[in-house]
Amino acid sequence: MFHGKGVRSIFLISLLFIISVIVSSGCLEKPEFRIQSFHIAPEEVVAGEDVMIIAEVENVGNAGGTYRAIVRVDAVETASKDIFLAAGAREKIEFNISQNHGPHHVEFEDREGTFRVLRPAEIKTNKPVVAPNPAKIGEKTNVKMSIENVGEAEGTYPISLMVNGKVEQTKEITLKGGATEEVAFIISKDSPGSYSIEIGGQKETLKVVQVERLSTGIVKLLFAYSSTCPHCVYQKPIIREFEVKYPDVEVTSVGYSYLNSEQLRLIEGTSGHPVMVFHSGDHIRQIVGETSLYDLEKEYETFKGKLGETTSSKSTGGSKRVC
């Protein structure tokens, strides 16, 4: 009985010895995988575009085997792939990854990297600035607008200037993410009237006026205003339009706090503001209150009718819209 047990024990010991010798001598065949290279391309993409994860895997073992490649983005398994590699073989593995806007962290075995998804380019326009406005017939007018790319990716945009609904000029600008640039156009018109100016959906109105020339002596217009008066704010562009249309009239705009003695004499007797005073020699025509261009021109015509008189004159007109 002991003899049989001893034989079996000797057999088991011998078998274990043989296995240990085979293992220690490297004769047991098995695959062993090693990452030889890893990179992300490109490291920045626009939302909707893919990032490519590229890795090269080599089987450095002495037997073929299946390797399971796993890509994790932001600690979440995002893609995987099984490939068979013979002993000593090397193969490139590629993954196309799409993610939402923002930075992202990639893990592949013991390798890691990052990429960023950018917001697409997006144009933002502001109201165009038109100057001079009003303009004379044939006068060059500058139309400027600030263009901003509120996205993160670079973008190229065609910017069109439309006048009365028709494209007159087009320029192309390229803006990096977050950048701002001013685009400018120059136009001139041969007919008086109002023109609708539009760039990128933003609109402004250009007034073109026919210049009137005086056949009489020099006429001056004093515009006295207060910076806190809403009626004065309304009146300022009208004074500018009148000045363009009647270049022979010497226009002076002065805040109430800065009126000199001669100017104070011209507005003497008035109550409220704004105040406009046509004057030439001994002739004075005062207009008090908010006044339209049409009414201001009528006042001007009334005043010119007095210039032929030899005696001095002083009169007052205007509206009740005063401060």
C-alpha atoms as a PDB file:
ATOM      1  CA  MET A   1       0.000   0.000   0.000  1.00  0.00           C
ATOM      2  CA  PHE A   2       2.782   2.423   0.868  1.00  0.00           C
ATOM      3  CA  HIS A   3       4.563   1.314  -2.264  1.00  0.00           C
ATOM      4  CA  GLY A   4       1.668   2.478  -4.491  1.00  0.00           C
ATOM      5  CA  LYS A   5       1.343   5.829  -2.767  1.00  0.00           C
ATOM      6  CA  GLY A   6       5.047   6.406  -3.053  1.00  0.00           C
ATOM      7  CA  VAL A   7       4.965   5.804  -6.792  1.00  0.00           C
ATOM      8  CA  ARG A   8       2.157   8.303  -7.258  1.00  0.00           C
ATOM      9  CA  SER A   9       3.943  10.891  -5.165  1.00  0.00           C
ATOM     10  CA  ILE A  10       7.123  10.458  -7.146  1.00  0.00           C
ATOM     11  CA  PHE A  11       5.112  10.828 -10.363  1.00  0.00           C
ATOM     12  CA  LEU A  12       3.432  14.058  -9.244  1.00  0.00           C
ATOM     13  CA  ILE A  13       6.679  15.536  -8.052  1.00  0.00           C
ATOM     14  CA  SER A  14       8.326  14.671 -11.363  1.00  0.00           C
ATOM     15  CA  LEU A  15       5.438  16.245 -13.322  1.00  0.00           C
ATOM     16  CA  LEU A  16       5.592  19.445 -11.324  1.00  0.00           C
ATOM     17  CA  PHE A  17       9.348  19.580 -11.840  1.00  0.00           C
ATOM     18  CA  ILE A  18       8.975  19.210 -15.614  1.00  0.00           C
ATOM     19  CA  ILE A  19       6.329  21.965 -15.757  1.00  0.00           C
ATOM     20  CA  SER A  20       8.490  24.323 -13.707  1.00  0.00           C
ATOM     21  CA  VAL A  21      11.445  23.672 -15.987  1.00  0.00           C
ATOM     22  CA  ILE A  22       9.319  24.395 -19.087  1.00  0.00           C
ATOM     23  CA  VAL A  23       7.942  27.608 -17.585  1.00  0.00           C
ATOM     24  CA  SER A  24      11.319  28.802 -16.366  1.00  0.00           C
ATOM     25  CA  SER A  25      12.922  28.035 -19.692  1.00  0.00           C
ATOM     26  CA  GLY A  26      10.273  30.134 -21.556  1.00  0.00           C
ATOM     27  CA  CYS A  27       9.001  27.249 -23.588  1.00  0.00           C
ATOM     28  CA  LEU A  28       5.333  27.977 -22.648  1.00  0.00           C
ATOM     29  CA  GLU A  29       3.895  30.001 -25.534  1.00  0.00           C
ATOM     30  CA  LYS A  30       1.702  33.087 -24.819  1.00  0.00           C
ATOM     31  CA  PRO A  31       1.026  36.564 -26.351  1.00  0.00           C
ATOM     32  CA  GLU A  32       2.189  39.778 -24.692  1.00  0.00           C
ATOM     33  CA  PHE A  33       1.001  43.164 -25.960  1.00  0.00           C
ATOM     34  CA  ARG A  34       2.830  46.462 -25.672  1.00  0.00           C
ATOM     35  CA  ILE A  35       1.781  50.009 -26.738  1.00  0.00           C
ATOM     36  CA  GLN A  36       4.589  51.366 -28.924  1.00  0.00           C
ATOM     37  CA  SER A  37       3.044  54.750 -29.834  1.00  0.00           C
ATOM     38  CA  PHE A  38      -0.025  56.867 -29.097  1.00  0.00           C
ATOM     39  CA  HIS A  39      -1.217  60.273 -30.300  1.00  0.00           C
ATOM     40  CA  ILE A  40      -4.318  62.403 -30.889  1.00  0.00           C
ATOM     41  CA  ALA A  41      -4.877  64.319 -34.125  1.00  0.00           C
ATOM     42  CA  PRO A  42      -5.833  67.077 -34.302  1.00  0.00           C
ATOM     43  CA  GLU A  43      -5.784  68.389 -30.762  1.00  0.00           C
ATOM     44  CA  GLU A  44      -8.415  71.023 -31.637  1.00  0.00           C
ATOM     45  CA  VAL A  45     -11.532  70.477 -33.751  1.00  0.00           C
ATOM     46  CA  VAL A  46     -14.750  72.366 -34.410  1.00  0.00           C
ATOM     47  CA  ALA A  47     -17.962  70.938 -32.971  1.00  0.00           C
ATOM     48  CA  GLY A  48     -19.244  68.244 -35.331  1.00  0.00           C
ATOM     49  CA  GLU A  49     -15.759  67.168 -36.457  1.00  0.00           C
ATOM     50  CA  ASP A  50     -14.011  63.948 -35.371  1.00  0.00           C
ATOM     51  CA  VAL A  51     -10.769  63.520 -33.466  1.00  0.00           C
ATOM     52  CA  MET A  52      -8.597  60.564 -34.446  1.00  0.00           C
ATOM     53  CA  ILE A  53      -7.018  58.452 -31.687  1.00  0.00           C
ATOM     54  CA  ILE A  54      -4.061  56.533 -33.146  1.00  0.00           C
ATOM     55  CA  ALA A  55      -2.096  53.815 -31.316  1.00  0.00           C
ATOM     56  CA  GLU A  56       0.450  51.237 -32.454  1.00  0.00           C
ATOM     57  CA  VAL A  57       0.358  47.890 -30.632  1.00  0.00           C
ATOM     58  CA  GLU A  58       3.017  45.160 -30.838  1.00  0.00           C
ATOM     59  CA  ASN A  59       2.805  41.535 -29.729  1.00  0.00           C
ATOM     60  CA  VAL A  60       6.148  40.945 -28.055  1.00  0.00           C
ATOM     61  CA  GLY A  61       5.114  37.477 -26.842  1.00  0.00           C
ATOM     62  CA  ASN A  62       5.953  34.134 -28.449  1.00  0.00           C
ATOM     63  CA  ALA A  63       2.394  33.243 -29.461  1.00  0.00           C
ATOM     64  CA  GLY A  64      -0.394  34.920 -31.411  1.00  0.00           C
ATOM     65  CA  GLY A  65      -3.394  36.334 -29.608  1.00  0.00           C
ATOM     66  CA  THR A  66      -6.350  38.728 -29.654  1.00  0.00           C
ATOM     67  CA  TYR A  67      -5.852  42.194 -28.233  1.00  0.00           C
ATOM     68  CA  ARG A  68      -8.818  44.277 -27.071  1.00  0.00           C
ATOM     69  CA  ALA A  69      -8.151  47.982 -27.503  1.00  0.00           C
ATOM     70  CA  ILE A  70     -10.275  50.306 -25.330  1.00  0.00           C
ATOM     71  CA  VAL A  71     -10.436  54.107 -25.522  1.00  0.00           C
ATOM     72  CA  ARG A  72     -11.804  56.038 -22.576  1.00  0.00           C
ATOM     73  CA  VAL A  73     -12.802  59.706 -22.901  1.00  0.00           C
ATOM     74  CA  ASP A  74     -13.350  61.582 -19.656  1.00  0.00           C
ATOM     75  CA  ALA A  75     -13.153  58.232 -17.771  1.00  0.00           C
ATOM     76  CA  VAL A  76     -15.975  56.729 -19.870  1.00  0.00           C
ATOM     77  CA  GLU A  77     -15.406  53.814 -22.268  1.00  0.00           C
ATOM     78  CA  THR A  78     -16.102  55.389 -25.634  1.00  0.00           C
ATOM     79  CA  ALA A  79     -14.776  52.946 -28.238  1.00  0.00           C
ATOM     80  CA  SER A  80     -13.225  49.476 -28.425  1.00  0.00           C
ATOM     81  CA  LYS A  81     -11.792  47.146 -31.048  1.00  0.00           C
ATOM     82  CA  ASP A  82     -10.484  43.536 -31.128  1.00  0.00           C
ATOM     83  CA  ILE A  83      -7.481  42.678 -33.311  1.00  0.00           C
ATOM     84  CA  PHE A  84      -5.468  39.486 -33.721  1.00  0.00           C
ATOM     85  CA  LEU A  85      -1.700  39.839 -33.654  1.00  0.00           C
ATOM     86  CA  ALA A  86       0.729  37.063 -34.479  1.00  0.00           C
ATOM     87  CA  ALA A  87       3.850  36.767 -32.350  1.00  0.00           C
ATOM     88  CA  GLY A  88       6.182  39.667 -33.167  1.00  0.00           C
ATOM     89  CA  ALA A  89       3.518  41.480 -35.242  1.00  0.00           C
ATOM     90  CA  ARG A  90       2.784  45.206 -34.938  1.00  0.00           C
ATOM     91  CA  GLU A  91      -0.404  47.001 -36.025  1.00  0.00           C
ATOM     92  CA  LYS A  92      -1.793  50.527 -36.028  1.00  0.00           C
ATOM     93  CA  ILE A  93      -5.233  51.032 -34.469  1.00  0.00           C
ATOM     94  CA  GLU A  94      -7.376  54.095 -35.229  1.00  0.00           C
ATOM     95  CA  PHE A  95     -10.531  55.417 -33.580  1.00  0.00           C
ATOM     96  CA  ASN A  96     -12.693  58.346 -34.734  1.00  0.00           C
ATOM     97  CA  ILE A  97     -14.118  60.119 -31.697  1.00  0.00           C
ATOM     98  CA  SER A  98     -16.802  62.850 -31.664  1.00  0.00           C
ATOM     99  CA  GLN A  99     -17.517  64.869 -28.540  1.00  0.00           C
ATOM    100  CA  ASN A 100     -19.395  67.976 -27.428  1.00  0.00           C
ATOM    101  CA  HIS A 101     -17.871  71.430 -26.976  1.00  0.00           C
ATOM    102  CA  GLY A 102     -15.131  71.698 -24.361  1.00  0.00           C
ATOM    103  CA  PRO A 103     -11.840  70.079 -23.240  1.00  0.00           C
ATOM    104  CA  HIS A 104     -11.608  66.267 -23.059  1.00  0.00           C
ATOM    105  CA  HIS A 105      -9.200  63.757 -21.491  1.00  0.00           C
ATOM    106  CA  VAL A 106      -8.296  60.508 -23.315  1.00  0.00           C
ATOM    107  CA  GLU A 107      -6.933  57.263 -21.797  1.00  0.00           C
ATOM    108  CA  PHE A 108      -5.573  54.278 -23.728  1.00  0.00           C
ATOM    109  CA  GLU A 109      -3.958  51.632 -21.531  1.00  0.00           C
ATOM    110  CA  ASP A 110      -1.182  53.545 -19.704  1.00  0.00           C
ATOM    111  CA  ARG A 111      -1.138  56.371 -22.241  1.00  0.00           C
ATOM    112  CA  GLU A 112      -3.183  59.582 -22.039  1.00  0.00           C
ATOM    113  CA  GLY A 113      -3.732  62.878 -23.820  1.00  0.00           C
ATOM    114  CA  THR A 114      -6.195  65.734 -24.328  1.00  0.00           C
ATOM    115  CA  PHE A 115      -8.124  67.444 -27.104  1.00  0.00           C
ATOM    116  CA  ARG A 116     -10.536  70.373 -27.286  1.00  0.00           C
ATOM    117  CA  VAL A 117     -13.773  70.817 -29.226  1.00  0.00           C
ATOM    118  CA  LEU A 118     -14.316  74.460 -30.233  1.00  0.00           C
ATOM    119  CA  ARG A 119     -17.588  76.286 -30.692  1.00  0.00           C
ATOM    120  CA  PRO A 120     -18.109  76.993 -34.420  1.00  0.00           C
ATOM    121  CA  ALA A 121     -17.380  80.459 -35.782  1.00  0.00           C
ATOM    122  CA  GLU A 122     -20.387  82.750 -35.362  1.00  0.00           C
ATOM    123  CA  ILE A 123     -20.638  86.335 -36.560  1.00  0.00           C
ATOM    124  CA  LYS A 124     -22.160  89.138 -34.507  1.00  0.00           C
ATOM    125  CA  THR A 125     -22.787  92.548 -36.081  1.00  0.00           C
ATOM    126  CA  ASN A 126     -23.477  95.960 -34.588  1.00  0.00           C
ATOM    127  CA  LYS A 127     -25.443  98.877 -35.987  1.00  0.00           C
ATOM    128  CA  PRO A 128     -23.570 100.556 -38.883  1.00  0.00           C
ATOM    129  CA  VAL A 129     -22.138 104.019 -38.370  1.00  0.00           C
ATOM    130  CA  VAL A 130     -22.791 106.354 -41.310  1.00  0.00           C
ATOM    131  CA  ALA A 131     -20.860 109.634 -41.569  1.00  0.00           C
ATOM    132  CA  PRO A 132     -21.373 112.297 -42.615  1.00  0.00           C
ATOM    133  CA  ASN A 133     -25.105 111.919 -42.257  1.00  0.00           C
ATOM    134  CA  PRO A 134     -26.812 113.790 -43.764  1.00  0.00           C
ATOM    135  CA  ALA A 135     -24.489 114.068 -46.752  1.00  0.00           C
ATOM    136  CA  LYS A 136     -24.470 116.336 -49.764  1.00  0.00           C
ATOM    137  CA  ILE A 137     -25.188 115.054 -53.248  1.00  0.00           C
ATOM    138  CA  GLY A 138     -22.007 113.395 -54.567  1.00  0.00           C
ATOM    139  CA  GLU A 139     -20.283 113.586 -51.162  1.00  0.00           C
ATOM    140  CA  LYS A 140     -18.342 110.515 -50.058  1.00  0.00           C
ATOM    141  CA  THR A 141     -19.948 108.825 -47.075  1.00  0.00           C
ATOM    142  CA  ASN A 142     -18.219 106.308 -44.806  1.00  0.00           C
ATOM    143  CA  VAL A 143     -20.209 103.288 -43.664  1.00  0.00           C
ATOM    144  CA  LYS A 144     -18.483 101.375 -40.869  1.00  0.00           C
ATOM    145  CA  MET A 145     -19.466  98.395 -38.769  1.00  0.00           C
ATOM    146  CA  SER A 146     -17.851  96.360 -36.011  1.00  0.00           C
ATOM    147  CA  ILE A 147     -17.877  92.593 -36.732  1.00  0.00           C
ATOM    148  CA  GLU A 148     -17.224  90.092 -33.923  1.00  0.00           C
ATOM    149  CA  ASN A 149     -16.644  86.328 -34.050  1.00  0.00           C
ATOM    150  CA  VAL A 150     -18.351  85.119 -30.879  1.00  0.00           C
ATOM    151  CA  GLY A 151     -17.348  81.498 -31.588  1.00  0.00           C
ATOM    152  CA  GLU A 152     -14.003  79.863 -30.757  1.00  0.00           C
ATOM    153  CA  ALA A 153     -13.025  78.629 -34.227  1.00  0.00           C
ATOM    154  CA  GLU A 154     -11.655  80.841 -36.998  1.00  0.00           C
ATOM    155  CA  GLY A 155     -14.145  81.788 -39.696  1.00  0.00           C
ATOM    156  CA  THR A 156     -14.295  83.646 -43.012  1.00  0.00           C
ATOM    157  CA  TYR A 157     -17.341  85.774 -43.770  1.00  0.00           C
ATOM    158  CA  PRO A 158     -18.595  87.675 -46.834  1.00  0.00           C
ATOM    159  CA  ILE A 159     -19.823  91.090 -45.643  1.00  0.00           C
ATOM    160  CA  SER A 160     -22.212  92.839 -48.023  1.00  0.00           C
ATOM    161  CA  LEU A 161     -23.307  96.476 -48.020  1.00  0.00           C
ATOM    162  CA  MET A 162     -26.910  96.796 -49.173  1.00  0.00           C
ATOM    163  CA  VAL A 163     -28.465 100.090 -50.211  1.00  0.00           C
ATOM    164  CA  ASN A 164     -32.241 100.140 -50.574  1.00  0.00           C
ATOM    165  CA  GLY A 165     -32.272  96.345 -50.556  1.00  0.00           C
ATOM    166  CA  LYS A 166     -29.631  95.836 -53.253  1.00  0.00           C
ATOM    167  CA  VAL A 167     -26.041  94.674 -52.762  1.00  0.00           C
ATOM    168  CA  GLU A 168     -23.621  97.464 -53.731  1.00  0.00           C
ATOM    169  CA  GLN A 169     -20.310  96.191 -52.309  1.00  0.00           C
ATOM    170  CA  THR A 170     -18.987  92.987 -50.728  1.00  0.00           C
ATOM    171  CA  LYS A 171     -15.849  92.334 -48.689  1.00  0.00           C
ATOM    172  CA  GLU A 172     -14.507  89.113 -47.184  1.00  0.00           C
ATOM    173  CA  ILE A 173     -12.980  89.056 -43.708  1.00  0.00           C
ATOM    174  CA  THR A 174     -11.371  86.280 -41.675  1.00  0.00           C
ATOM    175  CA  LEU A 175     -11.669  86.390 -37.897  1.00  0.00           C
ATOM    176  CA  LYS A 176     -10.096  84.200 -35.243  1.00  0.00           C
ATOM    177  CA  GLY A 177     -12.313  83.017 -32.397  1.00  0.00           C
ATOM    178  CA  GLY A 178     -13.273  85.917 -30.149  1.00  0.00           C
ATOM    179  CA  ALA A 179     -11.728  88.525 -32.490  1.00  0.00           C
ATOM    180  CA  THR A 180     -13.346  91.815 -33.548  1.00  0.00           C
ATOM    181  CA  GLU A 181     -12.689  93.800 -36.711  1.00  0.00           C
ATOM    182  CA  GLU A 182     -14.096  96.934 -38.296  1.00  0.00           C
ATOM    183  CA  VAL A 183     -15.252  96.732 -41.899  1.00  0.00           C
ATOM    184  CA  ALA A 184     -15.652  99.973 -43.876  1.00  0.00           C
ATOM    185  CA  PHE A 185     -17.298 100.975 -47.150  1.00  0.00           C
ATOM    186  CA  ILE A 186     -17.396 104.303 -49.024  1.00  0.00           C
ATOM    187  CA  ILE A 187     -20.454 105.323 -51.007  1.00  0.00           C
ATOM    188  CA  SER A 188     -21.850 108.483 -52.627  1.00  0.00           C
ATOM    189  CA  LYS A 189     -25.262 109.276 -54.062  1.00  0.00           C
ATOM    190  CA  ASP A 190     -26.240 111.565 -56.934  1.00  0.00           C
ATOM    191  CA  SER A 191     -29.834 112.173 -55.899  1.00  0.00           C
ATOM    192  CA  PRO A 192     -31.332 113.688 -52.732  1.00  0.00           C
ATOM    193  CA  GLY A 193     -33.452 111.489 -50.508  1.00  0.00           C
ATOM    194  CA  SER A 194     -33.322 108.844 -47.792  1.00  0.00           C
ATOM    195  CA  TYR A 195     -31.362 105.626 -48.389  1.00  0.00           C
ATOM    196  CA  SER A 196     -31.668 102.416 -46.372  1.00  0.00           C
ATOM    197  CA  ILE A 197     -28.198 101.158 -45.413  1.00  0.00           C
ATOM    198  CA  GLU A 198     -27.941  97.517 -44.313  1.00  0.00           C
ATOM    199  CA  ILE A 199     -25.001  95.299 -43.301  1.00  0.00           C
ATOM    200  CA  GLY A 200     -25.477  91.858 -41.775  1.00  0.00           C
ATOM    201  CA  GLY A 201     -29.134  92.542 -40.990  1.00  0.00           C
ATOM    202  CA  GLN A 202     -28.344  95.809 -39.167  1.00  0.00           C
ATOM    203  CA  LYS A 203     -29.885  98.943 -40.673  1.00  0.00           C
ATOM    204  CA  GLU A 204     -29.333 102.695 -40.707  1.00  0.00           C
ATOM    205  CA  THR A 205     -30.721 105.534 -42.834  1.00  0.00           C
ATOM    206  CA  LEU A 206     -28.560 107.889 -44.895  1.00  0.00           C
ATOM    207  CA  LYS A 207     -30.033 111.254 -45.849  1.00  0.00           C
ATOM    208  CA  VAL A 208     -28.663 112.937 -48.956  1.00  0.00           C
ATOM    209  CA  VAL A 209     -29.559 116.619 -49.408  1.00  0.00           C
ATOM    210  CA  GLN A 210     -29.458 119.145 -52.218  1.00  0.00           C
ATOM    211  CA  VAL A 211     -27.232 122.086 -51.244  1.00  0.00           C
ATOM    212  CA  GLU A 212     -28.953 125.475 -51.294  1.00  0.00           C
ATOM    213  CA  ARG A 213     -26.906 128.610 -51.990  1.00  0.00           C
ATOM    214  CA  LEU A 214     -27.707 132.079 -50.632  1.00  0.00           C
ATOM    215  CA  SER A 215     -28.263 134.969 -52.984  1.00  0.00           C
ATOM    216  CA  THR A 216     -28.371 137.401 -50.051  1.00  0.00           C
ATOM    217  CA  GLY A 217     -25.731 138.364 -47.517  1.00  0.00           C
ATOM    218  CA  ILE A 218     -24.214 136.147 -44.840  1.00  0.00           C
ATOM    219  CA  VAL A 219     -26.748 134.521 -42.502  1.00  0.00           C
ATOM    220  CA  LYS A 220     -25.734 132.963 -39.209  1.00  0.00           C
ATOM    221  CA  LEU A 221     -27.610 130.456 -37.069  1.00  0.00           C
ATOM    222  CA  LEU A 222     -26.989 130.098 -33.335  1.00  0.00           C
ATOM    223  CA  PHE A 223     -28.162 126.823 -31.745  1.00  0.00           C
ATOM    224  CA  ALA A 224     -28.218 127.088 -27.933  1.00  0.00           C
ATOM    225  CA  TYR A 225     -28.909 123.847 -26.124  1.00  0.00           C
ATOM    226  CA  SER A 226     -28.813 122.077 -22.766  1.00  0.00           C
ATOM    227  CA  SER A 227     -27.167 118.662 -22.451  1.00  0.00           C
ATOM    228  CA  THR A 228     -29.988 117.475 -20.164  1.00  0.00           C
ATOM    229  CA  CYS A 229     -32.842 118.585 -22.442  1.00  0.00           C
ATOM    230  CA  PRO A 230     -34.496 115.791 -24.517  1.00  0.00           C
ATOM    231  CA  HIS A 231     -35.841 118.345 -26.988  1.00  0.00           C
ATOM    232  CA  CYS A 232     -32.277 119.553 -27.556  1.00  0.00           C
ATOM    233  CA  VAL A 233     -31.188 115.974 -28.224  1.00  0.00           C
ATOM    234  CA  TYR A 234     -33.958 115.714 -30.826  1.00  0.00           C
ATOM    235  CA  GLN A 235     -32.883 119.010 -32.388  1.00  0.00           C
ATOM    236  CA  LYS A 236     -29.154 118.266 -32.862  1.00  0.00           C
ATOM    237  CA  PRO A 237     -29.397 116.002 -35.954  1.00  0.00           C
ATOM    238  CA  ILE A 238     -31.863 118.441 -37.518  1.00  0.00           C
ATOM    239  CA  ILE A 239     -29.364 121.278 -37.074  1.00  0.00           C
ATOM    240  CA  ARG A 240     -26.696 119.068 -38.659  1.00  0.00           C
ATOM    241  CA  GLU A 241     -28.959 118.302 -41.623  1.00  0.00           C
ATOM    242  CA  PHE A 242     -29.770 121.981 -42.058  1.00  0.00           C
ATOM    243  CA  GLU A 243     -26.052 122.840 -41.915  1.00  0.00           C
ATOM    244  CA  VAL A 244     -25.266 120.350 -44.698  1.00  0.00           C
ATOM    245  CA  LYS A 245     -28.136 121.504 -46.871  1.00  0.00           C
ATOM    246  CA  TYR A 246     -27.352 125.232 -46.419  1.00  0.00           C
ATOM    247  CA  PRO A 247     -23.539 125.482 -46.334  1.00  0.00           C
ATOM    248  CA  ASP A 248     -23.641 129.272 -46.751  1.00  0.00           C
ATOM    249  CA  VAL A 249     -25.316 129.617 -43.342  1.00  0.00           C
ATOM    250  CA  GLU A 250     -22.733 129.821 -40.569  1.00  0.00           C
ATOM    251  CA  VAL A 251     -24.013 127.462 -37.872  1.00  0.00           C
ATOM    252  CA  THR A 252     -22.744 127.691 -34.280  1.00  0.00           C
ATOM    253  CA  SER A 253     -23.837 125.162 -31.647  1.00  0.00           C
ATOM    254  CA  VAL A 254     -23.180 126.165 -28.028  1.00  0.00           C
ATOM    255  CA  GLY A 255     -24.254 124.753 -24.670  1.00  0.00           C
ATOM    256  CA  TYR A 256     -26.079 127.227 -22.425  1.00  0.00           C
ATOM    257  CA  SER A 257     -23.243 127.271 -19.897  1.00  0.00           C
ATOM    258  CA  TYR A 258     -20.770 128.441 -22.562  1.00  0.00           C
ATOM    259  CA  LEU A 259     -22.706 131.283 -24.241  1.00  0.00           C
ATOM    260  CA  ASN A 260     -20.713 134.497 -24.566  1.00  0.00           C
ATOM    261  CA  SER A 261     -22.134 137.999 -24.125  1.00  0.00           C
ATOM    262  CA  GLU A 262     -22.980 138.449 -27.823  1.00  0.00           C
ATOM    263  CA  GLN A 263     -24.759 135.081 -27.920  1.00  0.00           C
ATOM    264  CA  LEU A 264     -26.652 135.890 -24.719  1.00  0.00           C
ATOM    265  CA  ARG A 265     -27.810 139.096 -26.406  1.00  0.00           C
ATOM    266  CA  LEU A 266     -29.142 137.064 -29.358  1.00  0.00           C
ATOM    267  CA  ILE A 267     -31.305 134.797 -27.150  1.00  0.00           C
ATOM    268  CA  GLU A 268     -32.405 137.638 -24.872  1.00  0.00           C
ATOM    269  CA  GLY A 269     -36.131 137.512 -24.128  1.00  0.00           C
ATOM    270  CA  THR A 270     -36.551 133.801 -24.851  1.00  0.00           C
ATOM    271  CA  SER A 271     -37.852 131.271 -22.327  1.00  0.00           C
ATOM    272  CA  GLY A 272     -36.970 127.584 -22.474  1.00  0.00           C
ATOM    273  CA  HIS A 273     -34.704 125.642 -24.792  1.00  0.00           C
ATOM    274  CA  PRO A 274     -33.579 124.689 -27.327  1.00  0.00           C
ATOM    275  CA  VAL A 275     -33.218 128.120 -28.905  1.00  0.00           C
ATOM    276  CA  MET A 276     -32.255 128.759 -32.525  1.00  0.00           C
ATOM    277  CA  VAL A 277     -31.481 132.277 -33.718  1.00  0.00           C
ATOM    278  CA  PHE A 278     -31.048 133.343 -37.334  1.00  0.00           C
ATOM    279  CA  HIS A 279     -29.162 136.627 -37.405  1.00  0.00           C
ATOM    280  CA  SER A 280     -27.547 138.872 -39.959  1.00  0.00           C
ATOM    281  CA  GLY A 281     -26.596 142.442 -39.135  1.00  0.00           C
ATOM    282  CA  ASP A 282     -29.470 144.022 -37.229  1.00  0.00           C
ATOM    283  CA  HIS A 283     -31.969 141.326 -38.208  1.00  0.00           C
ATOM    284  CA  ILE A 284     -32.766 138.569 -35.672  1.00  0.00           C
ATOM    285  CA  ARG A 285     -35.252 135.680 -35.838  1.00  0.00           C
ATOM    286  CA  GLN A 286     -35.586 133.586 -32.662  1.00  0.00           C
ATOM    287  CA  ILE A 287     -37.076 130.066 -32.691  1.00  0.00           C
ATOM    288  CA  VAL A 288     -37.751 128.415 -29.342  1.00  0.00           C
ATOM    289  CA  GLY A 289     -38.525 124.731 -28.789  1.00  0.00           C
ATOM    290  CA  GLU A 290     -38.311 121.470 -30.718  1.00  0.00           C
ATOM    291  CA  THR A 291     -38.540 122.286 -34.440  1.00  0.00           C
ATOM    292  CA  SER A 292     -38.675 119.968 -37.461  1.00  0.00           C
ATOM    293  CA  LEU A 293     -36.408 120.508 -40.462  1.00  0.00           C
ATOM    294  CA  TYR A 294     -39.410 121.566 -42.526  1.00  0.00           C
ATOM    295  CA  ASP A 295     -40.425 124.221 -39.975  1.00  0.00           C
ATOM    296  CA  LEU A 296     -36.819 125.386 -39.525  1.00  0.00           C
ATOM    297  CA  GLU A 297     -36.551 125.899 -43.289  1.00  0.00           C
ATOM    298  CA  LYS A 298     -39.793 127.894 -43.223  1.00  0.00           C
ATOM    299  CA  GLU A 299     -38.359 130.070 -40.445  1.00  0.00           C
ATOM    300  CA  TYR A 300     -35.231 130.529 -42.544  1.00  0.00           C
ATOM    301  CA  GLU A 301     -37.279 131.607 -45.572  1.00  0.00           C
ATOM    302  CA  THR A 302     -39.206 134.063 -43.378  1.00  0.00           C
ATOM    303  CA  PHE A 303     -35.949 135.476 -42.071  1.00  0.00           C
ATOM    304  CA  LYS A 304     -34.436 135.841 -45.558  1.00  0.00           C
ATOM    305  CA  GLY A 305     -37.473 137.854 -46.570  1.00  0.00           C
ATOM    306  CA  LYS A 306     -36.573 140.437 -43.917  1.00  0.00           C
ATOM    307  CA  LEU A 307     -32.978 140.891 -45.078  1.00  0.00           C
ATOM    308  CA  GLY A 308     -33.944 143.281 -47.847  1.00  0.00           C
ATOM    309  CA  GLU A 309     -35.479 145.693 -45.352  1.00  0.00           C
ATOM    310  CA  THR A 310     -33.374 148.634 -44.262  1.00  0.00           C
ATOM    311  CA  THR A 311     -34.729 148.795 -40.719  1.00  0.00           C
ATOM    312  CA  SER A 312     -33.668 146.314 -38.064  1.00  0.00           C
ATOM    313  CA  SER A 313     -36.071 143.525 -37.110  1.00  0.00           C
ATOM    314  CA  LYS A 314     -36.504 141.020 -34.299  1.00  0.00           C
ATOM    315  CA  SER A 315     -39.144 138.288 -34.178  1.00  0.00           C
ATOM    316  CA  THR A 316     -39.779 135.068 -32.290  1.00  0.00           C
ATOM    317  CA  GLY A 317     -41.374 131.772 -33.343  1.00  0.00           C
ATOM    318  CA  GLY A 318     -41.195 128.085 -32.489  1.00  0.00           C
ATOM    319  CA  SER A 319     -43.135 125.357 -30.696  1.00  0.00           C
ATOM    320  CA  LYS A 320     -44.248 124.622 -27.152  1.00  0.00           C
ATOM    321  CA  ARG A 321     -41.992 121.572 -26.954  1.00  0.00           C
ATOM    322  CA  VAL A 322     -39.398 123.148 -24.674  1.00  0.00           C
ATOM    323  CA  CYS A 323     -37.416 122.287 -21.545  1.00  0.00           C
END
